[in-house]
């Protein structure tokens, strides 16, 4: 009987201790000033996953030529900015002007992975806001983005000419992210060649 009485206070106190520990962890993260967009990626410095995805049916460039799907072969000599997006994603809409501006940069091609989206919705999204992508692959089931380690949309990766992932942005591209992350990563690619 005395054994049962000792266990009862422990069972009452244990949930309170667990809750306090979790609340303390969340409070620390909230007050630490840590930027959740700077999530580490285990893929930085590693080869980009070979990715083959079908094109977004009905998507054409300004001259009417269909935009191809994705066939990312490692080390094909091109620098690529790989952007994971969806029409239902509000931050994707917010970052779209930055992607449109980046599409004018001749140092890389922009590749879009349309994530868990309906093709008609994705087409409407790109027709409304403009198409910054040189290639768009559809990943309706979200399987290929698992290989990329995608946490959510949008996410953007810079893949060097040798097929190595050099930089990652979690969340929408911003001017600060481009100037503080993407451009320095691009400069590192150009530095050995010059």
N, C-alpha and C. Protein backbone atom coordinates (compact mmCIF):
# COMPACT_ATOMS: atom_id res chain seq x y z
N UNK A 1 0.82 -1.19 0.00
CA UNK A 1 0.00 0.00 0.00
C UNK A 1 0.86 1.25 0.00
N UNK A 2 1.91 1.28 0.82
CA UNK A 2 2.79 2.45 0.85
C UNK A 2 3.53 2.61 -0.47
N UNK A 3 3.80 1.52 -1.17
CA UNK A 3 4.43 1.56 -2.51
C UNK A 3 3.53 2.30 -3.50
N UNK A 4 2.24 2.04 -3.47
CA UNK A 4 1.28 2.70 -4.35
C UNK A 4 1.21 4.18 -4.06
N UNK A 5 1.26 4.57 -2.78
CA UNK A 5 1.20 5.98 -2.41
C UNK A 5 2.43 6.73 -2.91
N UNK A 6 3.58 6.10 -2.92
CA UNK A 6 4.80 6.75 -3.41
C UNK A 6 4.74 6.95 -4.93
N UNK A 7 4.15 6.04 -5.64
CA UNK A 7 4.07 6.14 -7.11
C UNK A 7 3.11 7.22 -7.56
N UNK A 8 2.04 7.44 -6.80
CA UNK A 8 1.04 8.42 -7.20
C UNK A 8 1.63 9.83 -7.31
N UNK A 9 2.37 10.33 -6.33
CA UNK A 9 2.95 11.68 -6.50
C UNK A 9 3.91 11.74 -7.68
N UNK A 10 4.63 10.66 -7.93
CA UNK A 10 5.55 10.64 -9.07
C UNK A 10 4.76 10.74 -10.37
N UNK A 11 3.65 10.04 -10.48
CA UNK A 11 2.82 10.10 -11.68
C UNK A 11 2.18 11.47 -11.86
N UNK A 12 1.93 12.17 -10.77
CA UNK A 12 1.35 13.51 -10.85
C UNK A 12 2.43 14.52 -11.24
N UNK A 13 3.63 14.37 -10.70
CA UNK A 13 4.72 15.32 -10.93
C UNK A 13 5.37 15.13 -12.30
N UNK A 14 5.45 13.91 -12.79
CA UNK A 14 6.14 13.62 -14.05
C UNK A 14 5.59 14.41 -15.24
N UNK A 15 4.28 14.47 -15.47
CA UNK A 15 3.78 15.29 -16.58
C UNK A 15 4.13 16.77 -16.43
N UNK A 16 4.10 17.27 -15.22
CA UNK A 16 4.45 18.68 -14.98
C UNK A 16 5.91 18.93 -15.33
N UNK A 17 6.79 18.01 -14.94
CA UNK A 17 8.22 18.14 -15.25
C UNK A 17 8.45 18.09 -16.76
N UNK A 18 7.80 17.16 -17.43
CA UNK A 18 7.94 17.04 -18.89
C UNK A 18 7.44 18.31 -19.57
N UNK A 19 6.27 18.81 -19.14
CA UNK A 19 5.73 20.04 -19.72
C UNK A 19 6.68 21.22 -19.50
N UNK A 20 7.21 21.34 -18.31
CA UNK A 20 8.13 22.44 -18.01
C UNK A 20 9.39 22.34 -18.87
N UNK A 21 9.89 21.13 -19.08
CA UNK A 21 11.07 20.95 -19.93
C UNK A 21 10.80 21.36 -21.37
N UNK A 22 9.67 20.94 -21.90
CA UNK A 22 9.30 21.33 -23.27
C UNK A 22 9.07 22.83 -23.39
N UNK A 23 8.37 23.41 -22.43
CA UNK A 23 8.12 24.85 -22.45
C UNK A 23 9.44 25.62 -22.38
N UNK A 24 10.37 25.15 -21.56
CA UNK A 24 11.68 25.80 -21.47
C UNK A 24 12.45 25.72 -22.78
N UNK A 25 12.37 24.58 -23.45
CA UNK A 25 13.04 24.42 -24.75
C UNK A 25 12.45 25.37 -25.79
N UNK A 26 11.11 25.44 -25.86
CA UNK A 26 10.46 26.34 -26.82
C UNK A 26 10.78 27.80 -26.50
N UNK A 27 10.78 28.16 -25.23
CA UNK A 27 11.09 29.53 -24.84
C UNK A 27 12.53 29.89 -25.21
N UNK A 28 13.45 28.98 -24.97
CA UNK A 28 14.85 29.21 -25.34
C UNK A 28 14.98 29.45 -26.84
N UNK A 29 14.33 28.62 -27.66
CA UNK A 29 14.40 28.78 -29.11
C UNK A 29 13.78 30.10 -29.55
N UNK A 30 12.69 30.49 -28.89
CA UNK A 30 12.01 31.73 -29.24
C UNK A 30 12.87 32.95 -28.92
N UNK A 31 13.54 32.92 -27.78
CA UNK A 31 14.31 34.08 -27.32
C UNK A 31 15.77 34.06 -27.78
N UNK A 32 16.22 32.97 -28.37
CA UNK A 32 17.64 32.85 -28.73
C UNK A 32 18.02 33.69 -29.94
N UNK A 33 17.02 34.13 -30.71
CA UNK A 33 17.32 34.89 -31.92
C UNK A 33 17.73 34.00 -33.08
N UNK A 34 17.63 32.68 -32.91
CA UNK A 34 17.98 31.73 -33.97
C UNK A 34 17.01 31.87 -35.13
N UNK A 35 17.52 31.99 -36.33
CA UNK A 35 16.71 32.13 -37.53
C UNK A 35 16.30 30.74 -38.02
N UNK A 36 15.00 30.39 -37.99
CA UNK A 36 14.59 29.05 -38.41
C UNK A 36 14.85 28.79 -39.89
N UNK A 37 15.09 29.84 -40.69
CA UNK A 37 15.40 29.64 -42.10
C UNK A 37 16.82 29.13 -42.29
N UNK A 38 17.64 29.16 -41.26
CA UNK A 38 19.01 28.70 -41.37
C UNK A 38 19.16 27.26 -40.89
N UNK A 39 18.15 26.45 -41.19
CA UNK A 39 18.22 25.04 -40.83
C UNK A 39 19.41 24.41 -41.54
N UNK A 40 20.18 23.62 -40.84
CA UNK A 40 21.33 23.01 -41.49
C UNK A 40 20.88 21.97 -42.51
N UNK A 41 21.68 21.78 -43.52
CA UNK A 41 21.41 20.75 -44.51
C UNK A 41 22.59 19.80 -44.56
N UNK A 42 22.29 18.53 -44.43
CA UNK A 42 23.33 17.51 -44.52
C UNK A 42 23.84 17.37 -45.95
N UNK A 43 23.16 17.99 -46.90
CA UNK A 43 23.54 17.84 -48.31
C UNK A 43 24.56 18.87 -48.78
N UNK A 44 24.80 19.92 -48.00
CA UNK A 44 25.78 20.93 -48.42
C UNK A 44 27.14 20.25 -48.57
N UNK A 45 27.75 20.46 -49.74
CA UNK A 45 29.05 19.85 -50.03
C UNK A 45 28.96 18.44 -50.59
N UNK A 46 27.74 17.96 -50.76
CA UNK A 46 27.55 16.61 -51.30
C UNK A 46 26.89 16.69 -52.67
N UNK A 47 26.99 15.62 -53.46
CA UNK A 47 26.35 15.63 -54.78
C UNK A 47 24.84 15.80 -54.67
N UNK A 48 24.30 16.59 -55.58
CA UNK A 48 22.85 16.76 -55.64
C UNK A 48 22.21 15.44 -56.07
N UNK A 49 21.05 15.13 -55.52
CA UNK A 49 20.37 13.91 -55.93
C UNK A 49 20.03 13.94 -57.43
N UNK A 50 20.27 12.84 -58.10
CA UNK A 50 19.87 12.77 -59.50
C UNK A 50 18.35 12.73 -59.52
N UNK A 51 17.77 13.67 -60.25
CA UNK A 51 16.33 13.86 -60.22
C UNK A 51 15.78 13.90 -61.63
N UNK A 52 14.81 13.05 -61.89
CA UNK A 52 14.10 13.06 -63.17
C UNK A 52 12.62 13.20 -62.87
N UNK A 53 12.04 14.27 -63.39
CA UNK A 53 10.62 14.53 -63.17
C UNK A 53 9.98 14.96 -64.49
N UNK A 54 8.72 14.56 -64.70
CA UNK A 54 8.04 14.95 -65.94
C UNK A 54 7.76 16.45 -65.96
N UNK A 55 7.62 17.00 -67.18
CA UNK A 55 7.34 18.44 -67.28
C UNK A 55 5.93 18.78 -66.80
N UNK A 56 5.75 20.04 -66.49
CA UNK A 56 4.43 20.56 -66.16
C UNK A 56 3.69 20.74 -67.48
N UNK A 57 2.75 19.88 -67.75
CA UNK A 57 2.03 19.87 -69.02
C UNK A 57 1.35 21.22 -69.27
N UNK A 58 1.57 21.73 -70.47
CA UNK A 58 0.95 22.99 -70.87
C UNK A 58 1.79 24.22 -70.63
N UNK A 59 2.92 24.08 -69.94
CA UNK A 59 3.78 25.23 -69.65
C UNK A 59 4.72 25.46 -70.83
N UNK A 60 4.71 26.69 -71.33
CA UNK A 60 5.57 27.05 -72.45
C UNK A 60 6.31 28.34 -72.13
N UNK A 61 7.47 28.53 -72.77
CA UNK A 61 8.23 29.76 -72.57
C UNK A 61 7.62 30.89 -73.41
N UNK A 62 8.24 32.06 -73.40
CA UNK A 62 7.69 33.24 -74.09
C UNK A 62 7.54 33.01 -75.59
N UNK A 63 8.37 32.15 -76.18
CA UNK A 63 8.27 31.90 -77.62
C UNK A 63 7.34 30.74 -77.95
N UNK A 64 6.68 30.17 -76.95
CA UNK A 64 5.73 29.09 -77.18
C UNK A 64 6.33 27.69 -77.14
N UNK A 65 7.63 27.59 -76.85
CA UNK A 65 8.28 26.28 -76.77
C UNK A 65 7.96 25.66 -75.41
N UNK A 66 7.53 24.39 -75.38
CA UNK A 66 7.24 23.76 -74.08
C UNK A 66 8.46 23.76 -73.17
N UNK A 67 8.21 24.07 -71.89
CA UNK A 67 9.27 24.07 -70.89
C UNK A 67 9.51 22.60 -70.50
N UNK A 68 10.78 22.16 -70.57
CA UNK A 68 11.06 20.75 -70.28
C UNK A 68 10.90 20.39 -68.81
N UNK A 69 10.81 19.09 -68.57
CA UNK A 69 10.83 18.58 -67.21
C UNK A 69 12.26 18.59 -66.71
N UNK A 70 12.48 17.91 -65.59
CA UNK A 70 13.80 17.94 -64.96
C UNK A 70 14.54 16.64 -65.21
N UNK A 71 15.79 16.79 -65.60
CA UNK A 71 16.71 15.67 -65.69
C UNK A 71 18.04 16.18 -65.16
N UNK A 72 18.17 16.15 -63.83
CA UNK A 72 19.37 16.67 -63.19
C UNK A 72 20.41 15.57 -63.10
N UNK A 73 21.35 15.61 -64.02
CA UNK A 73 22.47 14.67 -63.98
C UNK A 73 23.62 15.36 -63.26
N UNK A 74 24.29 14.62 -62.42
CA UNK A 74 25.38 15.20 -61.63
C UNK A 74 26.50 15.71 -62.53
N UNK A 75 26.98 16.89 -62.24
CA UNK A 75 28.16 17.43 -62.89
C UNK A 75 28.05 17.65 -64.38
N UNK A 76 26.95 18.20 -64.87
CA UNK A 76 26.84 18.44 -66.30
C UNK A 76 27.44 19.78 -66.73
N UNK A 77 28.11 20.46 -65.81
CA UNK A 77 28.81 21.69 -66.15
C UNK A 77 28.01 22.96 -65.99
N UNK A 78 26.73 22.84 -65.68
CA UNK A 78 25.91 24.05 -65.51
C UNK A 78 25.67 24.30 -64.02
N UNK A 79 25.65 25.56 -63.65
CA UNK A 79 25.28 25.95 -62.30
C UNK A 79 23.76 26.10 -62.31
N UNK A 80 23.10 25.50 -61.31
CA UNK A 80 21.64 25.52 -61.26
C UNK A 80 21.14 26.01 -59.91
N UNK A 81 20.09 26.77 -59.98
CA UNK A 81 19.37 27.18 -58.79
C UNK A 81 18.09 26.34 -58.80
N UNK A 82 17.97 25.42 -57.86
CA UNK A 82 16.83 24.51 -57.80
C UNK A 82 15.87 25.03 -56.74
N UNK A 83 14.65 25.35 -57.17
CA UNK A 83 13.65 25.94 -56.29
C UNK A 83 12.46 24.99 -56.18
N UNK A 84 12.09 24.67 -54.94
CA UNK A 84 10.92 23.82 -54.68
C UNK A 84 9.77 24.76 -54.34
N UNK A 85 8.67 24.64 -55.11
CA UNK A 85 7.56 25.58 -54.95
C UNK A 85 6.22 24.86 -55.13
N UNK A 86 5.15 25.55 -54.76
CA UNK A 86 3.79 25.06 -54.96
C UNK A 86 2.85 26.25 -55.08
N UNK A 87 1.78 26.07 -55.84
CA UNK A 87 0.81 27.16 -56.02
C UNK A 87 0.07 27.48 -54.73
N UNK A 88 -0.10 26.50 -53.86
CA UNK A 88 -0.84 26.70 -52.60
C UNK A 88 0.01 27.32 -51.50
N UNK A 89 1.29 27.58 -51.80
CA UNK A 89 2.24 28.06 -50.80
C UNK A 89 2.31 29.60 -50.82
N UNK A 90 1.86 30.23 -49.75
CA UNK A 90 1.87 31.70 -49.68
C UNK A 90 3.29 32.26 -49.73
N UNK A 91 4.27 31.71 -48.99
CA UNK A 91 5.64 32.22 -49.11
C UNK A 91 6.23 32.07 -50.52
N UNK A 92 5.75 31.07 -51.28
CA UNK A 92 6.22 30.92 -52.67
C UNK A 92 5.78 32.12 -53.51
N UNK A 93 4.60 32.58 -53.24
CA UNK A 93 4.08 33.77 -53.93
C UNK A 93 4.91 35.00 -53.54
N UNK A 94 5.29 35.08 -52.26
CA UNK A 94 6.08 36.21 -51.77
C UNK A 94 7.48 36.24 -52.39
N UNK A 95 8.09 35.06 -52.60
CA UNK A 95 9.45 35.02 -53.12
C UNK A 95 9.51 35.12 -54.64
N UNK A 96 8.36 35.00 -55.30
CA UNK A 96 8.36 34.92 -56.76
C UNK A 96 9.01 36.13 -57.46
N UNK A 97 8.80 37.36 -56.99
CA UNK A 97 9.50 38.48 -57.63
C UNK A 97 11.04 38.33 -57.57
N UNK A 98 11.56 37.78 -56.48
CA UNK A 98 13.01 37.55 -56.39
C UNK A 98 13.46 36.53 -57.43
N UNK A 99 12.68 35.48 -57.62
CA UNK A 99 13.01 34.48 -58.64
C UNK A 99 12.95 35.08 -60.04
N UNK A 100 11.95 35.92 -60.27
CA UNK A 100 11.84 36.57 -61.60
C UNK A 100 13.07 37.43 -61.86
N UNK A 101 13.54 38.15 -60.85
CA UNK A 101 14.75 38.97 -61.01
C UNK A 101 15.97 38.07 -61.23
N UNK A 102 16.08 36.99 -60.49
CA UNK A 102 17.22 36.08 -60.62
C UNK A 102 17.22 35.37 -61.97
N UNK A 103 16.07 35.24 -62.60
CA UNK A 103 16.01 34.56 -63.89
C UNK A 103 16.77 35.32 -64.98
N UNK A 104 17.11 36.57 -64.71
CA UNK A 104 17.87 37.38 -65.67
C UNK A 104 19.38 37.19 -65.51
N UNK A 105 19.80 36.48 -64.46
CA UNK A 105 21.22 36.28 -64.18
C UNK A 105 21.76 35.16 -65.06
N UNK A 106 22.74 35.43 -65.90
CA UNK A 106 23.25 34.41 -66.84
C UNK A 106 24.19 33.38 -66.20
N UNK A 107 24.51 33.54 -64.92
CA UNK A 107 25.46 32.63 -64.29
C UNK A 107 24.88 31.26 -63.94
N UNK A 108 23.56 31.13 -63.99
CA UNK A 108 22.91 29.87 -63.64
C UNK A 108 21.58 29.74 -64.35
N UNK A 109 21.08 28.52 -64.37
CA UNK A 109 19.72 28.26 -64.85
C UNK A 109 18.86 27.97 -63.61
N UNK A 110 17.60 28.32 -63.70
CA UNK A 110 16.69 28.08 -62.58
C UNK A 110 15.79 26.90 -62.92
N UNK A 111 15.77 25.95 -62.01
CA UNK A 111 14.99 24.73 -62.17
C UNK A 111 13.95 24.70 -61.06
N UNK A 112 12.70 24.44 -61.43
CA UNK A 112 11.63 24.38 -60.44
C UNK A 112 11.14 22.96 -60.23
N UNK A 113 10.95 22.61 -58.97
CA UNK A 113 10.30 21.35 -58.62
C UNK A 113 8.95 21.72 -58.03
N UNK A 114 7.89 21.39 -58.77
CA UNK A 114 6.54 21.69 -58.31
C UNK A 114 6.10 20.59 -57.35
N UNK A 115 5.94 20.96 -56.09
CA UNK A 115 5.77 20.02 -54.98
C UNK A 115 4.31 19.81 -54.59
N UNK A 116 3.85 18.57 -54.65
CA UNK A 116 2.51 18.18 -54.19
C UNK A 116 1.44 19.17 -54.63
N UNK A 117 1.38 19.39 -55.92
CA UNK A 117 0.50 20.41 -56.47
C UNK A 117 -0.34 19.82 -57.60
N UNK A 118 -1.48 20.42 -57.85
CA UNK A 118 -2.29 20.05 -59.00
C UNK A 118 -1.73 20.77 -60.22
N UNK A 119 -1.52 20.07 -61.34
CA UNK A 119 -0.92 20.71 -62.52
C UNK A 119 -1.64 21.98 -62.97
N UNK A 120 -2.98 21.96 -62.97
CA UNK A 120 -3.73 23.16 -63.40
C UNK A 120 -3.47 24.34 -62.47
N UNK A 121 -3.36 24.08 -61.17
CA UNK A 121 -3.08 25.15 -60.21
C UNK A 121 -1.67 25.70 -60.42
N UNK A 122 -0.70 24.82 -60.66
CA UNK A 122 0.67 25.25 -60.89
C UNK A 122 0.76 26.08 -62.17
N UNK A 123 0.06 25.65 -63.22
CA UNK A 123 0.04 26.42 -64.47
C UNK A 123 -0.55 27.81 -64.25
N UNK A 124 -1.64 27.87 -63.52
CA UNK A 124 -2.26 29.17 -63.23
C UNK A 124 -1.34 30.08 -62.44
N UNK A 125 -0.66 29.51 -61.47
CA UNK A 125 0.30 30.25 -60.64
C UNK A 125 1.39 30.87 -61.52
N UNK A 126 2.00 30.07 -62.41
CA UNK A 126 3.09 30.57 -63.24
C UNK A 126 2.59 31.51 -64.35
N UNK A 127 1.39 31.31 -64.82
CA UNK A 127 0.84 32.23 -65.83
C UNK A 127 0.51 33.59 -65.21
N UNK A 128 0.04 33.56 -63.97
CA UNK A 128 -0.30 34.80 -63.28
C UNK A 128 0.94 35.60 -62.89
N UNK A 129 1.94 34.92 -62.32
CA UNK A 129 3.09 35.62 -61.76
C UNK A 129 4.31 35.65 -62.68
N UNK A 130 4.30 34.87 -63.74
CA UNK A 130 5.45 34.77 -64.63
C UNK A 130 6.24 33.50 -64.36
N UNK A 131 6.97 33.06 -65.36
CA UNK A 131 7.74 31.82 -65.23
C UNK A 131 9.23 32.13 -65.21
N UNK A 132 9.87 32.00 -64.04
CA UNK A 132 11.31 32.23 -63.96
C UNK A 132 12.15 30.98 -64.29
N UNK A 133 11.49 29.85 -64.51
CA UNK A 133 12.18 28.57 -64.60
C UNK A 133 12.56 28.19 -66.03
N UNK A 134 13.76 27.63 -66.16
CA UNK A 134 14.21 27.08 -67.44
C UNK A 134 13.69 25.65 -67.62
N UNK A 135 13.37 24.99 -66.51
CA UNK A 135 12.79 23.65 -66.51
C UNK A 135 11.92 23.53 -65.27
N UNK A 136 10.81 22.81 -65.40
CA UNK A 136 9.91 22.57 -64.26
C UNK A 136 9.51 21.10 -64.28
N UNK A 137 9.77 20.44 -63.17
CA UNK A 137 9.34 19.06 -63.01
C UNK A 137 8.25 18.97 -61.96
N UNK A 138 7.30 18.08 -62.20
CA UNK A 138 6.20 17.93 -61.24
C UNK A 138 6.47 16.74 -60.32
N UNK A 139 6.32 16.98 -59.05
CA UNK A 139 6.50 15.96 -58.03
C UNK A 139 5.22 15.90 -57.20
N UNK A 140 4.16 15.39 -57.83
CA UNK A 140 2.84 15.40 -57.19
C UNK A 140 2.80 14.60 -55.90
N UNK A 141 3.58 13.52 -55.82
CA UNK A 141 3.58 12.69 -54.61
C UNK A 141 4.59 13.19 -53.58
N UNK A 142 5.51 14.05 -53.96
CA UNK A 142 6.51 14.58 -53.03
C UNK A 142 7.64 13.60 -52.74
N UNK A 143 7.84 12.61 -53.59
CA UNK A 143 8.87 11.60 -53.33
C UNK A 143 10.28 12.08 -53.62
N UNK A 144 10.47 12.78 -54.73
CA UNK A 144 11.84 13.18 -55.09
C UNK A 144 12.38 14.25 -54.15
N UNK A 145 11.50 15.04 -53.56
CA UNK A 145 11.98 16.08 -52.63
C UNK A 145 12.50 15.48 -51.33
N UNK A 146 12.12 14.26 -51.05
CA UNK A 146 12.67 13.57 -49.87
C UNK A 146 14.18 13.42 -50.04
N UNK A 147 14.61 13.07 -51.26
CA UNK A 147 16.05 12.92 -51.53
C UNK A 147 16.80 14.24 -51.33
N UNK A 148 16.12 15.35 -51.53
CA UNK A 148 16.73 16.68 -51.37
C UNK A 148 16.71 17.13 -49.91
N UNK A 149 16.03 16.40 -49.04
CA UNK A 149 15.95 16.79 -47.63
C UNK A 149 15.06 17.99 -47.40
N UNK A 150 14.03 18.14 -48.22
CA UNK A 150 13.15 19.29 -48.14
C UNK A 150 12.27 19.20 -46.89
N UNK A 151 12.27 20.28 -46.10
CA UNK A 151 11.45 20.37 -44.90
C UNK A 151 10.05 20.87 -45.24
N UNK A 152 9.95 21.74 -46.22
CA UNK A 152 8.69 22.35 -46.63
C UNK A 152 8.96 23.27 -47.79
N UNK A 153 7.94 23.96 -48.26
CA UNK A 153 8.14 24.87 -49.38
C UNK A 153 8.00 26.30 -48.91
N UNK A 154 8.71 27.20 -49.53
CA UNK A 154 9.72 27.00 -50.56
C UNK A 154 11.08 26.67 -49.96
N UNK A 155 11.90 26.01 -50.74
CA UNK A 155 13.31 25.79 -50.43
C UNK A 155 14.08 25.93 -51.73
N UNK A 156 15.29 26.45 -51.62
CA UNK A 156 16.11 26.71 -52.80
C UNK A 156 17.52 26.21 -52.56
N UNK A 157 18.09 25.59 -53.58
CA UNK A 157 19.44 25.03 -53.51
C UNK A 157 20.28 25.57 -54.66
N UNK A 158 21.53 25.90 -54.40
CA UNK A 158 22.47 26.24 -55.46
C UNK A 158 23.34 25.01 -55.70
N UNK A 159 23.32 24.53 -56.94
CA UNK A 159 24.08 23.35 -57.33
C UNK A 159 25.17 23.80 -58.29
N UNK A 160 26.43 23.52 -57.93
CA UNK A 160 27.57 23.94 -58.74
C UNK A 160 27.70 23.14 -60.02
N UNK A 161 28.61 23.57 -60.90
CA UNK A 161 28.80 22.90 -62.19
C UNK A 161 29.20 21.43 -62.06
N UNK A 162 29.82 21.09 -60.93
CA UNK A 162 30.23 19.69 -60.72
C UNK A 162 29.13 18.85 -60.07
N UNK A 163 27.96 19.46 -59.83
CA UNK A 163 26.83 18.73 -59.25
C UNK A 163 26.78 18.74 -57.74
N UNK A 164 27.63 19.55 -57.10
CA UNK A 164 27.67 19.62 -55.64
C UNK A 164 26.72 20.71 -55.14
N UNK A 165 25.99 20.41 -54.08
CA UNK A 165 25.11 21.42 -53.47
C UNK A 165 25.99 22.36 -52.65
N UNK A 166 25.92 23.65 -53.00
CA UNK A 166 26.78 24.65 -52.38
C UNK A 166 26.08 25.52 -51.35
N UNK A 167 24.78 25.65 -51.48
CA UNK A 167 24.04 26.59 -50.62
C UNK A 167 22.58 26.18 -50.59
N UNK A 168 21.91 26.49 -49.47
CA UNK A 168 20.49 26.18 -49.34
C UNK A 168 19.79 27.31 -48.60
N UNK A 169 18.61 27.63 -49.06
CA UNK A 169 17.75 28.61 -48.38
C UNK A 169 16.45 27.90 -48.03
N UNK A 170 16.13 27.86 -46.75
CA UNK A 170 14.85 27.33 -46.30
C UNK A 170 13.92 28.52 -46.13
N UNK A 171 12.75 28.44 -46.73
CA UNK A 171 11.82 29.56 -46.69
C UNK A 171 11.99 30.44 -47.92
N UNK A 172 11.23 31.51 -48.00
CA UNK A 172 11.25 32.33 -49.20
C UNK A 172 12.57 33.08 -49.40
N UNK A 173 12.95 33.20 -50.65
CA UNK A 173 14.12 34.01 -50.99
C UNK A 173 13.79 35.48 -50.70
N UNK A 174 14.72 36.15 -50.06
CA UNK A 174 14.59 37.57 -49.78
C UNK A 174 15.84 38.27 -50.30
N UNK A 175 15.80 39.57 -50.34
CA UNK A 175 16.99 40.31 -50.77
C UNK A 175 18.17 39.99 -49.86
N UNK A 176 17.89 39.92 -48.55
CA UNK A 176 18.96 39.61 -47.60
C UNK A 176 19.54 38.22 -47.84
N UNK A 177 18.67 37.25 -48.12
CA UNK A 177 19.11 35.89 -48.39
C UNK A 177 19.94 35.78 -49.66
N UNK A 178 19.51 36.53 -50.66
CA UNK A 178 20.25 36.52 -51.93
C UNK A 178 21.60 37.19 -51.75
N UNK A 179 21.61 38.38 -51.13
CA UNK A 179 22.88 39.11 -50.96
C UNK A 179 23.81 38.45 -49.95
N UNK A 180 23.26 37.88 -48.89
CA UNK A 180 24.09 37.30 -47.85
C UNK A 180 24.43 35.83 -48.02
N UNK A 181 23.71 35.13 -48.90
CA UNK A 181 23.93 33.70 -49.07
C UNK A 181 24.20 33.27 -50.49
N UNK A 182 23.27 33.57 -51.37
CA UNK A 182 23.38 33.12 -52.76
C UNK A 182 24.55 33.76 -53.48
N UNK A 183 24.66 35.08 -53.44
CA UNK A 183 25.72 35.77 -54.18
C UNK A 183 27.12 35.39 -53.69
N UNK A 184 27.36 35.29 -52.37
CA UNK A 184 28.68 34.82 -51.93
C UNK A 184 28.98 33.38 -52.39
N UNK A 185 27.96 32.52 -52.40
CA UNK A 185 28.16 31.14 -52.88
C UNK A 185 28.49 31.13 -54.37
N UNK A 186 27.83 32.00 -55.13
CA UNK A 186 28.15 32.12 -56.56
C UNK A 186 29.58 32.65 -56.77
N UNK A 187 29.98 33.58 -55.92
CA UNK A 187 31.33 34.14 -56.03
C UNK A 187 32.40 33.07 -55.81
N UNK A 188 32.10 32.12 -54.93
CA UNK A 188 33.06 31.04 -54.67
C UNK A 188 33.22 30.15 -55.90
N UNK A 189 32.16 30.00 -56.68
CA UNK A 189 32.24 29.21 -57.92
C UNK A 189 33.12 29.93 -58.92
N UNK A 190 32.92 31.23 -59.06
CA UNK A 190 33.63 32.02 -60.06
C UNK A 190 35.09 32.24 -59.67
N UNK A 191 35.41 32.27 -58.38
CA UNK A 191 36.76 32.60 -57.93
C UNK A 191 37.83 31.65 -58.48
N UNK A 192 37.67 30.32 -58.43
CA UNK A 192 38.73 29.46 -58.95
C UNK A 192 38.96 29.62 -60.45
N UNK A 193 37.90 29.97 -61.19
CA UNK A 193 38.03 30.10 -62.65
C UNK A 193 38.76 31.37 -63.04
N UNK A 194 38.69 32.41 -62.20
CA UNK A 194 39.29 33.69 -62.59
C UNK A 194 40.73 33.82 -62.17
